């Protein structure tokens, strides 16, 4: 009996040991490989710069907003042409008399600042087709007794140094006894008219209207004599100047001028500043 009980006890112990045995763990399924991250969209390519020289003292063609940003008809035309030729306009301020030397020294690529296309300038720079054309006028006090140029004898007339107006004044006014005084910037001329140091100016008719006659300091002044547009002094309209031999850039800009004239962009820009056809004849 003891033997039987002992045998039963061994069997039970073996059963308990069998029930307590742990099975080896089933290996986990390998994790699925992570999806590759989506590639970031490529940044748009930066447009190549076109360095544009301006003289921002020539309202409404080129001037500055109250916060110092270049604006005006010339600047807007530069912007739409840059869009046409896939370039980014970057503006470089330059005093007028140094415009062409700065272009030749490669300080900038083009001049878009109301520069007349003249035979003298074409000897040293190239030009695009014109993008506008307006005449010049003589401005003096409205009560000036004017009959002809000689009636201005003894007057002091301020002009922009290096401009077509200076060339005209030196050629036509100085010989009849007018004192011609060149200035680095047209707005300085207006300051000296206001202060009494000058009697008047020769200037683009649109610019002098916007920059002087339409303002309080221009009250009491007006045009005398005819419109001035002699090719000998004033050339063939306003174009974009660039270094000689840069034919590809000139052709691109000429195509751009034609395009904005044809698609209405030119008119849209023009109507921001003028109530007449500034393109001219």
Protein backbone atom coordinates (compact mmCIF):
# COMPACT_ATOMS: atom_id res chain seq x y z
CA UNK A 1 0.00 0.00 0.00
CA UNK A 2 2.81 2.37 0.86
CA UNK A 3 4.43 1.37 -2.41
CA UNK A 4 1.23 2.17 -4.29
CA UNK A 5 0.85 5.52 -2.55
CA UNK A 6 4.47 6.40 -3.27
CA UNK A 7 4.00 5.52 -6.93
CA UNK A 8 0.87 7.66 -7.14
CA UNK A 9 2.75 10.49 -5.47
CA UNK A 10 5.55 10.30 -8.04
CA UNK A 11 3.01 10.30 -10.88
CA UNK A 12 1.26 13.34 -9.44
CA UNK A 13 4.55 15.17 -9.02
CA UNK A 14 5.50 14.44 -12.59
CA UNK A 15 2.10 15.71 -13.75
CA UNK A 16 2.54 18.95 -11.78
CA UNK A 17 6.00 19.48 -13.24
CA UNK A 18 4.61 18.89 -16.74
CA UNK A 19 1.84 21.44 -16.21
CA UNK A 20 4.33 24.10 -15.05
CA UNK A 21 6.66 23.86 -18.06
CA UNK A 22 6.63 27.05 -20.18
CA UNK A 23 6.63 26.86 -23.98
CA UNK A 24 9.36 28.84 -25.76
CA UNK A 25 7.97 32.27 -26.90
CA UNK A 26 6.85 32.53 -30.50
CA UNK A 27 9.17 34.99 -32.23
CA UNK A 28 7.42 38.27 -33.14
CA UNK A 29 6.84 38.99 -36.82
CA UNK A 30 9.44 41.40 -38.17
CA UNK A 31 8.19 44.99 -38.36
CA UNK A 32 7.27 46.23 -41.81
CA UNK A 33 9.89 48.58 -43.19
CA UNK A 34 8.99 52.25 -42.73
CA UNK A 35 7.70 54.08 -45.78
CA UNK A 36 10.34 56.47 -47.13
CA UNK A 37 9.59 60.11 -46.29
CA UNK A 38 8.14 62.11 -49.16
CA UNK A 39 10.75 64.30 -50.80
CA UNK A 40 10.33 68.04 -50.10
CA UNK A 41 9.26 70.02 -53.18
CA UNK A 42 12.17 71.70 -54.89
CA UNK A 43 12.44 75.42 -54.21
CA UNK A 44 11.70 77.54 -57.28
CA UNK A 45 14.86 78.59 -59.05
CA UNK A 46 15.91 82.15 -58.25
CA UNK A 47 15.54 84.42 -61.26
CA UNK A 48 18.77 85.97 -62.48
CA UNK A 49 19.12 89.60 -61.46
CA UNK A 50 18.95 92.55 -63.81
CA UNK A 51 20.64 95.53 -62.16
CA UNK A 52 18.75 98.66 -63.11
CA UNK A 53 20.17 102.16 -62.63
CA UNK A 54 17.72 104.90 -61.61
CA UNK A 55 17.90 108.53 -60.55
CA UNK A 56 14.98 108.74 -58.10
CA UNK A 57 14.56 112.53 -58.26
CA UNK A 58 12.36 112.68 -61.34
CA UNK A 59 8.69 112.46 -60.38
CA UNK A 60 6.46 110.92 -61.73
CA UNK A 61 8.91 108.84 -63.75
CA UNK A 62 11.33 107.79 -61.01
CA UNK A 63 11.02 108.75 -57.36
CA UNK A 64 10.65 107.21 -53.91
CA UNK A 65 7.67 106.44 -51.69
CA UNK A 66 7.58 107.77 -48.13
CA UNK A 67 9.27 104.56 -46.93
CA UNK A 68 12.10 104.91 -49.46
CA UNK A 69 10.93 102.37 -52.04
CA UNK A 70 11.66 103.20 -55.72
CA UNK A 71 8.51 103.84 -57.72
CA UNK A 72 7.20 105.70 -60.74
CA UNK A 73 6.52 105.03 -64.40
CA UNK A 74 10.12 104.05 -65.22
CA UNK A 75 10.25 101.63 -62.30
CA UNK A 76 6.91 100.04 -63.20
CA UNK A 77 8.01 99.63 -66.81
CA UNK A 78 11.25 98.01 -65.61
CA UNK A 79 9.26 95.58 -63.47
CA UNK A 80 6.92 94.42 -66.25
CA UNK A 81 9.86 94.06 -68.65
CA UNK A 82 11.76 91.99 -66.07
CA UNK A 83 8.70 89.75 -65.82
CA UNK A 84 8.65 89.37 -69.60
CA UNK A 85 12.31 88.36 -69.85
CA UNK A 86 12.32 86.27 -66.64
CA UNK A 87 14.71 88.45 -64.67
CA UNK A 88 14.54 90.05 -61.22
CA UNK A 89 14.93 93.84 -61.16
CA UNK A 90 17.43 95.12 -58.59
CA UNK A 91 17.68 98.90 -58.41
CA UNK A 92 20.89 100.88 -58.14
CA UNK A 93 20.60 104.61 -57.40
CA UNK A 94 22.93 106.81 -59.40
CA UNK A 95 23.26 110.56 -59.89
CA UNK A 96 22.33 111.49 -63.44
CA UNK A 97 25.65 112.83 -64.63
CA UNK A 98 27.35 109.50 -63.72
CA UNK A 99 24.75 107.21 -65.29
CA UNK A 100 26.64 106.25 -68.44
CA UNK A 101 30.08 105.97 -66.78
CA UNK A 102 28.53 103.66 -64.17
CA UNK A 103 27.01 101.51 -66.91
CA UNK A 104 30.34 101.26 -68.70
CA UNK A 105 32.02 100.31 -65.41
CA UNK A 106 29.48 97.44 -65.03
CA UNK A 107 27.95 98.78 -61.82
CA UNK A 108 24.59 97.80 -63.33
CA UNK A 109 23.23 96.22 -66.49
CA UNK A 110 20.81 98.81 -67.85
CA UNK A 111 19.58 102.36 -67.29
CA UNK A 112 15.79 102.69 -67.01
CA UNK A 113 15.53 106.30 -65.92
CA UNK A 114 14.04 108.50 -68.65
CA UNK A 115 17.18 108.62 -70.77
CA UNK A 116 16.69 110.15 -74.22
CA UNK A 117 18.03 108.27 -77.23
CA UNK A 118 20.44 110.78 -78.77
CA UNK A 119 23.11 110.52 -81.44
CA UNK A 120 25.81 111.57 -78.98
CA UNK A 121 24.84 108.90 -76.45
CA UNK A 122 24.59 106.24 -79.14
CA UNK A 123 28.31 106.70 -79.73
CA UNK A 124 29.04 105.18 -76.30
CA UNK A 125 26.00 103.05 -75.34
CA UNK A 126 23.28 101.07 -77.08
CA UNK A 127 19.56 101.69 -76.68
CA UNK A 128 16.38 99.69 -76.95
CA UNK A 129 13.42 101.00 -78.89
CA UNK A 130 11.70 103.92 -77.18
CA UNK A 131 9.20 103.29 -74.40
CA UNK A 132 7.88 106.85 -74.19
CA UNK A 133 8.34 110.30 -75.70
CA UNK A 134 7.40 113.66 -74.18
CA UNK A 135 8.58 117.20 -74.98
CA UNK A 136 10.45 119.63 -72.74
CA UNK A 137 9.42 123.16 -71.80
CA UNK A 138 10.85 126.33 -70.28
CA UNK A 139 9.35 127.22 -66.88
CA UNK A 140 9.57 130.68 -65.32
CA UNK A 141 7.29 132.93 -63.25
CA UNK A 142 3.90 133.25 -64.87
CA UNK A 143 4.16 137.06 -65.05
CA UNK A 144 7.44 136.98 -67.01
CA UNK A 145 7.23 139.15 -70.12
CA UNK A 146 8.19 136.55 -72.70
CA UNK A 147 8.35 137.22 -76.42
CA UNK A 148 11.30 135.09 -77.50
CA UNK A 149 14.36 133.45 -75.95
CA UNK A 150 16.20 136.78 -75.85
CA UNK A 151 13.55 138.11 -73.46
CA UNK A 152 14.99 135.73 -70.83
CA UNK A 153 18.34 137.54 -70.88
CA UNK A 154 19.76 137.89 -67.36
CA UNK A 155 17.60 135.07 -65.94
CA UNK A 156 19.16 132.16 -64.04
CA UNK A 157 17.83 128.86 -65.34
CA UNK A 158 18.58 125.57 -63.55
CA UNK A 159 18.96 122.33 -65.49
CA UNK A 160 19.83 118.73 -64.74
CA UNK A 161 23.54 118.17 -65.34
CA UNK A 162 24.23 115.89 -68.28
CA UNK A 163 20.62 116.06 -69.53
CA UNK A 164 19.22 116.92 -72.95
CA UNK A 165 17.72 120.00 -71.31
CA UNK A 166 21.19 121.16 -70.32
CA UNK A 167 22.36 120.64 -73.88
CA UNK A 168 19.45 122.72 -75.17
CA UNK A 169 20.00 125.48 -72.60
CA UNK A 170 23.70 125.69 -73.41
CA UNK A 171 22.97 125.75 -77.13
CA UNK A 172 20.01 128.14 -77.20
CA UNK A 173 19.67 130.07 -73.93
CA UNK A 174 23.25 130.80 -72.95
CA UNK A 175 24.03 132.55 -76.29
CA UNK A 176 21.19 135.06 -75.65
CA UNK A 177 22.43 135.98 -72.18
CA UNK A 178 20.69 133.45 -69.92
CA UNK A 179 22.73 132.12 -67.00
CA UNK A 180 22.55 128.31 -67.16
CA UNK A 181 23.17 126.55 -63.83
CA UNK A 182 23.62 122.71 -63.89
CA UNK A 183 22.48 120.62 -60.89
CA UNK A 184 23.13 117.02 -59.87
CA UNK A 185 19.40 116.34 -59.39
CA UNK A 186 16.23 117.92 -60.74
CA UNK A 187 14.63 118.22 -57.31
CA UNK A 188 17.54 120.46 -56.26
CA UNK A 189 16.57 122.80 -59.10
CA UNK A 190 13.08 123.13 -57.65
CA UNK A 191 14.43 123.85 -54.18
CA UNK A 192 16.52 126.71 -55.55
CA UNK A 193 13.63 128.11 -57.56
CA UNK A 194 11.59 128.13 -54.37
CA UNK A 195 14.40 129.85 -52.44
CA UNK A 196 14.77 132.52 -55.12
CA UNK A 197 18.24 131.49 -56.29
CA UNK A 198 16.88 130.52 -59.71
CA UNK A 199 14.31 132.12 -62.01
CA UNK A 200 13.21 128.90 -63.66
CA UNK A 201 14.18 125.68 -65.40
CA UNK A 202 14.11 123.73 -68.63
CA UNK A 203 12.63 120.31 -67.94
CA UNK A 204 10.50 117.51 -69.32
CA UNK A 205 6.98 118.91 -69.48
CA UNK A 206 5.42 115.95 -67.67
CA UNK A 207 8.11 115.74 -65.00
CA UNK A 208 8.07 119.47 -64.20
CA UNK A 209 4.28 119.38 -63.95
CA UNK A 210 4.31 116.45 -61.51
CA UNK A 211 7.46 117.43 -59.64
CA UNK A 212 6.96 121.18 -59.35
CA UNK A 213 4.06 123.02 -61.02
CA UNK A 214 1.35 120.89 -59.42
CA UNK A 215 2.78 121.43 -55.93
CA UNK A 216 2.41 124.47 -53.64
CA UNK A 217 5.97 125.64 -54.31
CA UNK A 218 5.19 125.75 -58.05
CA UNK A 219 2.29 128.16 -57.73
CA UNK A 220 2.91 131.31 -59.74
CA UNK A 221 5.13 129.54 -62.29
CA UNK A 222 4.25 128.29 -65.74
CA UNK A 223 5.40 127.38 -69.25
CA UNK A 224 6.66 129.93 -71.75
CA UNK A 225 7.51 129.39 -75.38
CA UNK A 226 6.76 126.34 -77.52
CA UNK A 227 7.22 122.68 -76.74
CA UNK A 228 10.83 121.62 -77.21
CA UNK A 229 11.55 118.43 -79.14
CA UNK A 230 14.33 119.26 -81.59
CA UNK A 231 16.13 115.99 -82.42
CA UNK A 232 19.42 117.91 -82.33
CA UNK A 233 19.01 118.22 -78.55
CA UNK A 234 16.31 115.78 -77.49
CA UNK A 235 16.82 112.78 -79.70
CA UNK A 236 14.27 110.13 -80.58
CA UNK A 237 12.34 109.40 -77.42
CA UNK A 238 13.17 107.63 -74.18
CA UNK A 239 14.85 104.24 -74.28
CA UNK A 240 16.68 101.77 -72.08
CA UNK A 241 20.47 102.18 -72.25
CA UNK A 242 22.80 99.20 -72.10
CA UNK A 243 26.43 98.50 -72.87
CA UNK A 244 27.41 98.33 -76.52
CA UNK A 245 27.44 94.87 -78.02
CA UNK A 246 24.93 93.27 -75.61
CA UNK A 247 22.69 92.36 -78.52
CA UNK A 248 20.89 89.44 -76.84
CA UNK A 249 19.73 91.54 -73.89
CA UNK A 250 18.72 94.41 -76.17
CA UNK A 251 16.69 92.04 -78.36
CA UNK A 252 14.98 90.54 -75.30
CA UNK A 253 14.04 93.97 -74.00
CA UNK A 254 12.79 95.11 -77.41
CA UNK A 255 10.62 91.99 -77.61
CA UNK A 256 9.38 92.78 -74.09
CA UNK A 257 8.46 96.35 -75.05
CA UNK A 258 6.51 95.05 -78.05
CA UNK A 259 4.78 92.45 -75.88
CA UNK A 260 3.60 94.86 -73.17
CA UNK A 261 2.43 97.31 -75.83
CA UNK A 262 0.40 94.54 -77.50
CA UNK A 263 -1.07 92.83 -74.42
CA UNK A 264 -2.34 95.95 -72.64
CA UNK A 265 0.19 95.94 -69.80
CA UNK A 266 1.80 99.17 -71.03
CA UNK A 267 -1.55 100.97 -71.01
CA UNK A 268 -2.33 99.70 -67.51
CA UNK A 269 0.97 101.07 -66.19
CA UNK A 270 0.61 104.34 -68.10
CA UNK A 271 -2.87 105.05 -66.73
CA UNK A 272 -1.52 104.95 -63.17
CA UNK A 273 0.41 108.15 -63.90
CA UNK A 274 -0.95 109.88 -67.01
CA UNK A 275 -4.26 110.80 -68.62
CA UNK A 276 -2.75 111.01 -72.12
CA UNK A 277 -0.67 108.81 -74.43
CA UNK A 278 2.84 109.10 -72.99
CA UNK A 279 4.21 106.81 -75.71
CA UNK A 280 3.98 109.73 -78.12
CA UNK A 281 4.73 109.86 -81.81
